[in-house]
Amino acid sequence: MIPAYEMNFDGLVGPTHNYGGLSYGNVASQSNSQAASSPKEAALQGLGKMKALMEMGFKQGVFAPQERQDVAALRSLGFTGSDAEVIARAAKEAMPLLAACSSASSMWTANSCTVSPSADTADGRVHFTAANLNCKFHRSIEHPTTSRVLGAMFANPQHFAHHAALPAVSQFGDEGAANHTRFCAGYGQAGVEFFVFGRSAFDPRYPAPQRYPARQTLEACQAVARLHGLSDDGVVYAQQNPAVIDQGVFHNDVIAVGNGEVLFYHQDAFLDTERVLAELGDKLARRGGQFQAVCVSREAVGVEDAVRSYLFNSQLLTRADGSMLLIVPEECHKNARVWNYLQQLTAGNGPIREVKVFDLKQSMQNGGGPACLRLRVALNETELAAVNPGVIMTPTLHDTLVSWVGKHYRDRLSEADLADPQLLVECRTALDELTQILKLGSVYPFQLV
């Protein structure tokens, strides 16, 4: 069997990183609304995590940010004139729209798309479906550029298949890999793909949350599974508990994380949990795996602590010796209940043996932790060799990107700064240089004119 690996492609934080409070249902995003941000610090924190994982021996890549401000989106909403005039008018008449069109939310590449590895798909290729993210305007405008970036990263049609985002209507709300996990005995072996949804567009049997919107639909999950050519015996669907959505669990990766044969989840994560676990165990066993469920009880860690610390928005990684490492944000260390639980977890005989803490404050304050920042792609050696080498993290690329950030990013950004037309010029200049560094070609709208 050809050796295979899981590769993490982390989102590079864009130059317009700001706290717009745009994501209703995301507690951290809303609670830090209008605070001043530091785009430079945010990008460097993300690059620091990428470098650390690379140095630990994990396969690591980088995912380019979007062009912001999105002047084309503002023009589609009726703002006219030169780019500077569009921005000035939007700032005067509709600052929330300017903030939305300035969001750096593409940094959270767990929402960029859903990925199925070649071992699972009918045609033996790695499949990508860009997420439509149609629940939030500021994210719904991402997928055209996301598709171009993915196409530039995974360009060889012999190994990679790309699908456009699902129809941008509520029935097919799709939030990408943040609601998708894959279980397998080995990354190159056939696995079980786990799709988690918050509601059904058509079936009244599935209860919806009452306070916050359920962003992912069952119908979107089923459509992606069909597009990727997944077999029924290799897919499990589960409904997210609507009660935890109403407590700020806007994606499954805020309440559960999986890797290999292990699901690390909160007791209140799903509806019909016993059935879900049994189906996962049965289907994984048919593929040579032994499913392991690690449940965090509500007595050990309540949902509120889980959301505030982002305990489950962590990276669960398999080390060379087969044991698992949990990458958590600094907020877990600062939360006494969560940290006490993690000490007990790693002291036991379970699969998770070590915890490493990273300072990702800039991302965390905007509502995204370690798991939000990365897209997982399982690749065999042949497929890995077909990936655009410009996006694979190396010590040289890391140093180049650190210098690039230092050259182009602002130390501080407030809402008022979004009205500065020079910010758009700075962003385009930076991204034009970045596409050359990452060997992406022309992927941004301003490059396609």
Protein backbone atom coordinates (compact mmCIF):
# COMPACT_ATOMS: atom_id res chain seq x y z
CA MET A 1 0.00 0.00 0.00
CA ILE A 2 1.24 3.48 -0.88
CA PRO A 3 2.10 5.46 2.29
CA ALA A 4 -0.45 8.14 3.12
CA TYR A 5 -0.56 11.16 5.41
CA GLU A 6 -2.94 13.73 6.79
CA MET A 7 -1.84 17.21 5.79
CA ASN A 8 -3.06 20.37 7.50
CA PHE A 9 -3.44 23.49 5.37
CA ASP A 10 -3.71 26.47 7.72
CA GLY A 11 -5.38 29.68 6.68
CA LEU A 12 -3.01 32.62 6.46
CA VAL A 13 -4.71 35.52 8.25
CA GLY A 14 -5.44 38.35 5.82
CA PRO A 15 -4.37 42.01 6.11
CA THR A 16 -7.90 43.18 7.00
CA HIS A 17 -8.31 40.99 10.11
CA ASN A 18 -10.79 42.92 12.25
CA TYR A 19 -13.41 42.36 14.95
CA GLY A 20 -16.60 43.12 13.12
CA GLY A 21 -18.85 40.94 15.31
CA LEU A 22 -20.41 39.57 12.15
CA SER A 23 -21.16 36.01 13.20
CA TYR A 24 -24.47 35.76 15.06
CA GLY A 25 -24.37 32.60 17.14
CA ASN A 26 -20.60 32.79 17.65
CA VAL A 27 -20.16 34.00 21.24
CA ALA A 28 -16.53 35.11 20.88
CA SER A 29 -17.17 36.96 17.64
CA GLN A 30 -20.05 38.94 19.08
CA SER A 31 -18.51 39.66 22.49
CA ASN A 32 -15.40 41.27 20.94
CA SER A 33 -17.26 43.28 18.33
CA GLN A 34 -15.73 46.67 17.49
CA ALA A 35 -12.54 46.06 19.48
CA ALA A 36 -9.28 47.00 17.76
CA SER A 37 -7.40 44.09 16.19
CA SER A 38 -3.81 43.45 15.18
CA PRO A 39 -3.61 41.87 11.72
CA LYS A 40 0.15 41.52 12.01
CA GLU A 41 -0.01 39.71 15.35
CA ALA A 42 -2.81 37.46 14.09
CA ALA A 43 -0.87 36.39 11.01
CA LEU A 44 2.30 35.78 13.00
CA GLN A 45 0.45 33.71 15.60
CA GLY A 46 -0.95 31.51 12.83
CA LEU A 47 2.44 31.15 11.17
CA GLY A 48 3.94 30.23 14.52
CA LYS A 49 1.53 27.31 14.85
CA MET A 50 2.28 26.16 11.30
CA LYS A 51 6.02 26.25 11.97
CA ALA A 52 5.70 24.38 15.25
CA LEU A 53 3.68 21.54 13.70
CA MET A 54 6.08 21.33 10.77
CA GLU A 55 8.98 21.03 13.21
CA MET A 56 7.12 18.25 15.06
CA GLY A 57 7.14 16.26 11.83
CA PHE A 58 3.57 16.84 10.65
CA LYS A 59 2.81 17.62 7.01
CA GLN A 60 1.88 21.29 6.90
CA GLY A 61 0.66 23.65 4.21
CA VAL A 62 -0.64 27.20 3.90
CA PHE A 63 -3.93 28.46 2.45
CA ALA A 64 -3.99 31.98 0.99
CA PRO A 65 -6.47 34.60 2.27
CA GLN A 66 -9.14 36.41 0.25
CA GLU A 67 -9.00 39.82 -1.38
CA ARG A 68 -10.56 42.34 0.98
CA GLN A 69 -12.22 44.78 0.88
CA ASP A 70 -14.51 43.02 -1.60
CA VAL A 71 -15.35 46.00 -3.77
CA ALA A 72 -17.17 43.83 -6.31
CA ALA A 73 -19.60 42.68 -3.61
CA LEU A 74 -20.23 46.31 -2.64
CA ARG A 75 -20.85 47.22 -6.28
CA SER A 76 -23.39 44.40 -6.52
CA LEU A 77 -25.24 46.10 -3.65
CA GLY A 78 -25.53 49.39 -5.50
CA PHE A 79 -22.42 51.37 -4.53
CA THR A 80 -20.87 53.06 -7.55
CA GLY A 81 -17.85 55.07 -8.59
CA SER A 82 -14.15 54.36 -8.32
CA ASP A 83 -12.95 51.79 -5.78
CA ALA A 84 -12.17 54.60 -3.33
CA GLU A 85 -15.60 56.16 -3.89
CA VAL A 86 -17.35 52.81 -3.36
CA ILE A 87 -15.56 52.33 -0.04
CA ALA A 88 -16.23 55.91 1.08
CA ARG A 89 -19.92 55.70 0.26
CA ALA A 90 -20.30 52.33 1.96
CA ALA A 91 -18.54 53.66 5.06
CA LYS A 92 -20.92 56.62 5.18
CA GLU A 93 -24.18 54.86 4.31
CA ALA A 94 -23.77 51.22 5.40
CA MET A 95 -20.77 50.57 7.62
CA PRO A 96 -22.01 47.04 8.52
CA LEU A 97 -21.81 46.13 4.83
CA LEU A 98 -18.31 47.54 4.54
CA ALA A 99 -17.29 45.56 7.62
CA ALA A 100 -18.76 42.41 6.09
CA CYS A 101 -16.91 43.00 2.83
CA SER A 102 -13.68 43.57 4.79
CA SER A 103 -13.82 40.40 6.88
CA ALA A 104 -10.76 38.16 7.05
CA SER A 105 -12.93 35.16 7.94
CA SER A 106 -11.41 33.00 5.19
CA MET A 107 -8.56 32.42 7.66
CA TRP A 108 -10.79 29.67 9.08
CA THR A 109 -10.15 27.16 6.33
CA ALA A 110 -12.11 24.45 8.14
CA ASN A 111 -15.06 26.22 6.47
CA SER A 112 -13.49 26.48 3.02
CA CYS A 113 -14.68 23.15 1.67
CA THR A 114 -15.34 19.48 2.38
CA VAL A 115 -12.65 16.99 1.37
CA SER A 116 -12.96 13.27 0.68
CA PRO A 117 -9.73 11.32 0.13
CA SER A 118 -9.21 8.98 -2.79
CA ALA A 119 -9.58 5.87 -0.63
CA ASP A 120 -13.26 6.73 -0.10
CA THR A 121 -14.38 8.01 -3.49
CA ALA A 122 -15.82 6.08 -6.42
CA ASP A 123 -13.30 7.38 -8.96
CA GLY A 124 -10.24 7.13 -6.71
CA ARG A 125 -9.52 10.86 -6.71
CA VAL A 126 -9.43 13.38 -3.87
CA HIS A 127 -12.66 15.41 -4.04
CA PHE A 128 -13.19 19.01 -2.91
CA THR A 129 -16.54 20.84 -2.66
CA ALA A 130 -16.30 24.52 -1.80
CA ALA A 131 -18.68 25.51 1.02
CA ASN A 132 -21.38 28.02 0.12
CA LEU A 133 -21.44 29.44 3.69
CA ASN A 134 -24.74 31.06 2.83
CA CYS A 135 -25.84 31.58 6.43
CA LYS A 136 -23.66 34.70 6.74
CA PHE A 137 -23.25 37.31 4.02
CA HIS A 138 -19.60 38.01 4.82
CA ARG A 139 -18.76 34.34 4.32
CA SER A 140 -21.12 33.65 1.42
CA ILE A 141 -18.93 35.79 -0.85
CA GLU A 142 -15.84 33.62 -0.27
CA HIS A 143 -16.44 30.50 -2.34
CA PRO A 144 -15.56 31.77 -5.86
CA THR A 145 -12.06 32.74 -4.76
CA THR A 146 -11.83 29.67 -2.52
CA SER A 147 -12.49 27.49 -5.56
CA ARG A 148 -9.76 29.22 -7.57
CA VAL A 149 -7.25 28.88 -4.72
CA LEU A 150 -8.09 25.19 -4.24
CA GLY A 151 -7.72 24.68 -7.99
CA ALA A 152 -4.28 26.28 -7.90
CA MET A 153 -3.20 24.18 -4.91
CA PHE A 154 -4.57 20.86 -6.17
CA ALA A 155 -4.33 21.31 -9.93
CA ASN A 156 -3.71 17.83 -11.32
CA PRO A 157 -7.04 16.43 -12.60
CA GLN A 158 -5.65 12.90 -12.53
CA HIS A 159 -5.62 13.06 -8.73
CA PHE A 160 -7.99 15.89 -7.74
CA ALA A 161 -11.64 16.64 -8.51
CA HIS A 162 -13.22 20.02 -7.72
CA HIS A 163 -16.92 20.78 -7.29
CA ALA A 164 -18.58 24.19 -7.18
CA ALA A 165 -20.41 25.27 -4.05
CA LEU A 166 -23.93 23.95 -3.58
CA PRO A 167 -26.85 26.25 -4.54
CA ALA A 168 -26.78 29.34 -2.32
CA VAL A 169 -30.16 28.78 -0.72
CA SER A 170 -31.09 27.90 2.85
CA GLN A 171 -32.04 24.32 1.98
CA PHE A 172 -28.42 23.58 1.12
CA GLY A 173 -26.57 25.54 3.80
CA ASP A 174 -23.04 24.10 3.84
CA GLU A 175 -20.27 25.07 6.26
CA GLY A 176 -17.59 22.71 4.96
CA ALA A 177 -15.19 20.58 6.97
CA ALA A 178 -16.20 22.24 10.27
CA ASN A 179 -19.14 19.79 10.24
CA HIS A 180 -17.28 16.86 8.69
CA THR A 181 -14.89 14.31 10.20
CA ARG A 182 -13.31 11.19 8.78
CA PHE A 183 -12.47 8.02 10.70
CA CYS A 184 -10.06 5.40 9.39
CA ALA A 185 -7.59 2.73 10.48
CA GLY A 186 -4.98 4.44 8.30
CA TYR A 187 -5.06 7.59 6.18
CA GLY A 188 -4.63 5.58 2.99
CA GLN A 189 -7.35 3.06 3.85
CA ALA A 190 -11.06 3.35 3.14
CA GLY A 191 -12.71 5.24 5.97
CA VAL A 192 -16.05 6.39 7.34
CA GLU A 193 -17.05 9.99 6.67
CA PHE A 194 -19.06 11.60 9.45
CA PHE A 195 -21.39 14.45 8.46
CA VAL A 196 -23.03 16.51 11.23
CA PHE A 197 -26.01 18.74 10.48
CA GLY A 198 -28.05 21.18 12.51
CA ARG A 199 -31.38 20.91 10.73
CA SER A 200 -33.22 19.40 7.81
CA ALA A 201 -34.74 21.62 5.16
CA PHE A 202 -37.57 19.19 4.46
CA ASP A 203 -37.94 16.63 7.26
CA PRO A 204 -39.84 17.90 10.34
CA ARG A 205 -38.56 15.00 12.47
CA TYR A 206 -35.36 16.93 13.12
CA PRO A 207 -35.84 19.67 15.74
CA ALA A 208 -34.26 23.06 15.06
CA PRO A 209 -32.59 25.33 17.61
CA GLN A 210 -34.66 28.20 18.98
CA ARG A 211 -32.11 30.97 19.58
CA TYR A 212 -29.34 30.70 17.00
CA PRO A 213 -29.51 29.45 13.40
CA ALA A 214 -28.49 25.93 12.47
CA ARG A 215 -26.11 26.55 9.60
CA GLN A 216 -25.65 23.06 8.14
CA THR A 217 -28.49 21.07 6.60
CA LEU A 218 -28.84 17.34 6.21
CA GLU A 219 -29.59 17.88 2.54
CA ALA A 220 -26.26 19.67 2.02
CA CYS A 221 -24.40 16.80 3.66
CA GLN A 222 -26.17 14.27 1.44
CA ALA A 223 -25.43 16.32 -1.69
CA VAL A 224 -21.71 16.51 -0.90
CA ALA A 225 -21.60 12.75 -0.27
CA ARG A 226 -23.17 12.16 -3.70
CA LEU A 227 -20.83 14.60 -5.44
CA HIS A 228 -17.83 12.83 -3.92
CA GLY A 229 -19.03 9.38 -4.90
CA LEU A 230 -19.17 8.04 -1.35
CA SER A 231 -20.81 4.69 -0.69
CA ASP A 232 -23.69 4.46 1.80
CA ASP A 233 -21.76 2.03 3.99
CA GLY A 234 -18.97 4.59 4.30
CA VAL A 235 -21.08 7.52 5.53
CA VAL A 236 -22.74 8.35 8.86
CA TYR A 237 -25.07 11.33 9.39
CA ALA A 238 -25.74 12.79 12.83
CA GLN A 239 -27.77 15.72 14.06
CA GLN A 240 -26.08 18.25 16.28
CA ASN A 241 -27.92 18.82 19.55
CA PRO A 242 -30.03 21.97 18.97
CA ALA A 243 -29.69 22.87 22.65
CA VAL A 244 -25.91 23.29 22.29
CA ILE A 245 -26.30 25.32 19.09
CA ASP A 246 -28.36 27.70 21.23
CA GLN A 247 -25.41 27.89 23.66
CA GLY A 248 -23.01 29.07 20.95
CA VAL A 249 -21.93 25.80 19.33
CA PHE A 250 -22.30 27.07 15.78
CA HIS A 251 -20.27 24.24 14.17
CA ASN A 252 -19.64 20.64 15.17
CA ASP A 253 -15.93 21.39 15.56
CA VAL A 254 -16.79 23.53 18.60
CA ILE A 255 -18.15 20.45 20.44
CA ALA A 256 -16.33 17.45 18.90
CA VAL A 257 -13.15 16.52 17.03
CA GLY A 258 -12.14 13.25 15.42
CA ASN A 259 -9.01 11.68 13.96
CA GLY A 260 -8.03 8.19 12.94
CA GLU A 261 -10.17 5.82 15.00
CA VAL A 262 -10.92 8.34 17.77
CA LEU A 263 -13.86 10.68 18.38
CA PHE A 264 -13.32 13.20 21.19
CA TYR A 265 -16.70 14.73 21.96
CA HIS A 266 -18.88 16.34 24.59
CA GLN A 267 -21.72 14.39 26.15
CA ASP A 268 -24.25 16.89 24.79
CA ALA A 269 -22.83 17.14 21.25
CA PHE A 270 -25.36 15.03 19.34
CA LEU A 271 -28.92 13.84 19.34
CA ASP A 272 -29.39 10.06 19.42
CA THR A 273 -25.78 9.61 20.52
CA GLU A 274 -25.96 5.87 21.17
CA ARG A 275 -27.16 5.16 17.64
CA VAL A 276 -24.55 7.45 16.13
CA LEU A 277 -21.67 5.83 18.03
CA ALA A 278 -22.91 2.33 17.23
CA GLU A 279 -23.17 3.11 13.53
CA LEU A 280 -19.70 4.65 13.47
CA GLY A 281 -18.25 1.64 15.27
CA ASP A 282 -19.97 -0.86 13.00
CA LYS A 283 -19.05 0.84 9.73
CA LEU A 284 -15.46 1.49 10.78
CA ALA A 285 -15.07 -2.16 11.84
CA ARG A 286 -16.03 -3.24 8.32
CA ARG A 287 -13.06 -1.17 7.10
CA GLY A 288 -10.60 -2.71 9.50
CA GLY A 289 -10.79 -0.04 12.19
CA GLN A 290 -11.59 -0.10 15.89
CA PHE A 291 -13.66 2.94 16.81
CA GLN A 292 -12.87 4.67 20.10
CA ALA A 293 -15.18 7.27 21.61
CA VAL A 294 -13.75 9.61 24.27
CA CYS A 295 -16.68 11.36 25.95
CA VAL A 296 -16.31 14.48 28.08
CA SER A 297 -19.17 14.53 30.58
CA ARG A 298 -21.10 17.69 31.31
CA GLU A 299 -20.09 17.27 34.96
CA ALA A 300 -16.40 17.42 34.02
CA VAL A 301 -16.73 20.31 31.55
CA GLY A 302 -19.97 22.19 30.92
CA VAL A 303 -20.94 23.39 27.46
CA GLU A 304 -20.29 27.01 28.48
CA ASP A 305 -16.70 26.19 29.49
CA ALA A 306 -16.24 24.15 26.32
CA VAL A 307 -17.36 27.10 24.18
CA ARG A 308 -15.35 29.73 26.05
CA SER A 309 -12.15 27.66 26.05
CA TYR A 310 -12.65 26.03 22.64
CA LEU A 311 -11.61 22.70 24.14
CA PHE A 312 -13.02 20.81 21.16
CA ASN A 313 -11.91 23.30 18.53
CA SER A 314 -8.55 21.62 18.85
CA GLN A 315 -6.37 19.62 16.50
CA LEU A 316 -6.18 15.90 17.22
CA LEU A 317 -3.04 14.61 15.52
CA THR A 318 -1.49 11.16 15.23
CA ARG A 319 2.20 11.08 16.03
CA ALA A 320 4.74 8.70 14.50
CA ASP A 321 4.43 6.28 17.43
CA GLY A 322 0.64 6.05 16.96
CA SER A 323 -0.29 8.07 20.05
CA MET A 324 -2.34 11.23 19.73
CA LEU A 325 -1.51 14.84 20.47
CA LEU A 326 -4.13 17.49 21.20
CA ILE A 327 -3.36 21.06 20.09
CA VAL A 328 -5.42 23.50 22.19
CA PRO A 329 -5.59 27.31 22.52
CA GLU A 330 -4.19 29.17 25.54
CA GLU A 331 -7.76 29.70 26.70
CA CYS A 332 -7.90 26.01 27.71
CA HIS A 333 -4.92 26.52 30.02
CA LYS A 334 -6.56 29.55 31.59
CA ASN A 335 -9.83 27.71 32.31
CA ALA A 336 -9.32 25.77 35.56
CA ARG A 337 -12.02 23.16 34.91
CA VAL A 338 -10.89 22.50 31.36
CA TRP A 339 -7.21 22.33 32.27
CA ASN A 340 -7.90 19.99 35.16
CA TYR A 341 -9.84 17.71 32.81
CA LEU A 342 -6.99 17.72 30.27
CA GLN A 343 -4.47 16.76 32.95
CA GLN A 344 -6.62 13.79 33.91
CA LEU A 345 -7.16 12.87 30.26
CA THR A 346 -3.47 12.64 29.39
CA ALA A 347 -2.61 10.85 32.63
CA GLY A 348 -4.92 7.97 31.72
CA ASN A 349 -4.52 5.06 29.34
CA GLY A 350 -6.59 6.52 26.52
CA PRO A 351 -5.40 7.37 23.03
CA ILE A 352 -4.76 11.09 23.75
CA ARG A 353 -1.40 11.23 25.51
CA GLU A 354 -0.21 14.83 25.26
CA VAL A 355 -1.58 18.38 25.09
CA LYS A 356 0.26 21.33 23.56
CA VAL A 357 -0.93 24.91 24.07
CA PHE A 358 -0.73 27.69 21.49
CA ASP A 359 -1.41 31.41 21.79
CA LEU A 360 -3.96 32.20 19.10
CA LYS A 361 -5.62 35.09 20.88
CA GLN A 362 -6.25 37.20 17.77
CA SER A 363 -8.14 34.36 16.07
CA MET A 364 -9.85 33.24 19.28
CA GLN A 365 -11.26 36.71 19.96
CA ASN A 366 -12.90 36.58 16.56
CA GLY A 367 -14.36 33.13 17.21
CA GLY A 368 -11.90 30.64 15.70
CA GLY A 369 -9.48 28.25 17.39
CA PRO A 370 -6.80 25.80 16.18
CA ALA A 371 -9.27 23.55 14.35
CA CYS A 372 -10.97 26.47 12.59
CA LEU A 373 -7.64 27.56 11.15
CA ARG A 374 -6.85 24.33 9.32
CA LEU A 375 -8.20 22.19 6.50
CA ARG A 376 -7.29 18.51 6.72
CA VAL A 377 -6.48 16.67 3.49
CA ALA A 378 -5.52 12.97 3.50
CA LEU A 379 -3.08 12.28 0.67
CA ASN A 380 -1.04 9.31 -0.44
CA GLU A 381 2.55 9.87 -1.54
CA THR A 382 1.64 10.09 -5.22
CA GLU A 383 -1.05 12.70 -4.53
CA LEU A 384 1.22 14.63 -2.19
CA ALA A 385 3.79 14.87 -4.99
CA ALA A 386 1.05 16.38 -7.20
CA VAL A 387 0.24 19.20 -4.75
CA ASN A 388 1.51 22.65 -5.72
CA PRO A 389 4.88 22.69 -3.89
CA GLY A 390 4.59 26.44 -3.34
CA VAL A 391 1.97 25.97 -0.61
CA ILE A 392 3.84 23.32 1.38
CA MET A 393 5.38 24.77 4.52
CA THR A 394 9.18 24.70 4.81
CA PRO A 395 11.55 26.68 7.04
CA THR A 396 12.34 28.92 4.08
CA LEU A 397 8.68 29.53 3.24
CA HIS A 398 7.92 30.30 6.88
CA ASP A 399 10.68 32.90 7.04
CA THR A 400 9.57 34.39 3.73
CA LEU A 401 5.98 34.72 4.94
CA VAL A 402 7.05 36.27 8.24
CA SER A 403 8.97 38.91 6.30
CA TRP A 404 6.00 39.39 3.96
CA VAL A 405 3.67 39.98 6.91
CA GLY A 406 6.11 42.43 8.44
CA LYS A 407 6.27 44.36 5.18
CA HIS A 408 2.54 44.58 4.41
CA TYR A 409 0.43 44.24 7.57
CA ARG A 410 -0.78 46.91 9.96
CA ASP A 411 -0.15 46.60 13.68
CA ARG A 412 -3.63 47.86 14.54
CA LEU A 413 -6.95 47.98 12.76
CA SER A 414 -10.23 49.46 13.97
CA GLU A 415 -13.62 49.75 12.30
CA ALA A 416 -12.89 53.35 11.31
CA ASP A 417 -9.78 52.19 9.43
CA LEU A 418 -11.94 50.15 7.06
CA ALA A 419 -12.98 53.42 5.41
CA ASP A 420 -9.37 54.13 4.41
CA PRO A 421 -9.09 53.46 0.63
CA GLN A 422 -5.37 52.87 1.11
CA LEU A 423 -6.21 49.64 2.97
CA LEU A 424 -7.47 48.11 -0.28
CA VAL A 425 -4.29 49.15 -2.08
CA GLU A 426 -2.20 47.61 0.70
CA CYS A 427 -4.17 44.38 0.58
CA ARG A 428 -3.94 44.00 -3.20
CA THR A 429 -0.22 44.78 -3.19
CA ALA A 430 0.37 42.15 -0.51
CA LEU A 431 -1.75 39.50 -2.20
CA ASP A 432 -0.17 40.07 -5.59
CA GLU A 433 3.20 39.35 -4.01
CA LEU A 434 1.79 36.38 -2.08
CA THR A 435 0.55 34.64 -5.23
CA GLN A 436 4.11 34.76 -6.51
CA ILE A 437 5.50 33.40 -3.25
CA LEU A 438 2.99 30.52 -3.18
CA LYS A 439 3.10 29.99 -6.97
CA LEU A 440 -0.69 30.27 -7.25
CA GLY A 441 -0.95 32.23 -10.48
CA SER A 442 -3.86 34.66 -10.86
CA VAL A 443 -6.59 33.74 -8.36
CA TYR A 444 -7.86 37.10 -7.10
CA PRO A 445 -10.50 39.24 -8.84
CA PHE A 446 -8.14 42.20 -9.22
CA GLN A 447 -5.68 39.88 -11.03
CA LEU A 448 -8.36 38.56 -13.40
CA VAL A 449 -9.44 41.92 -14.82
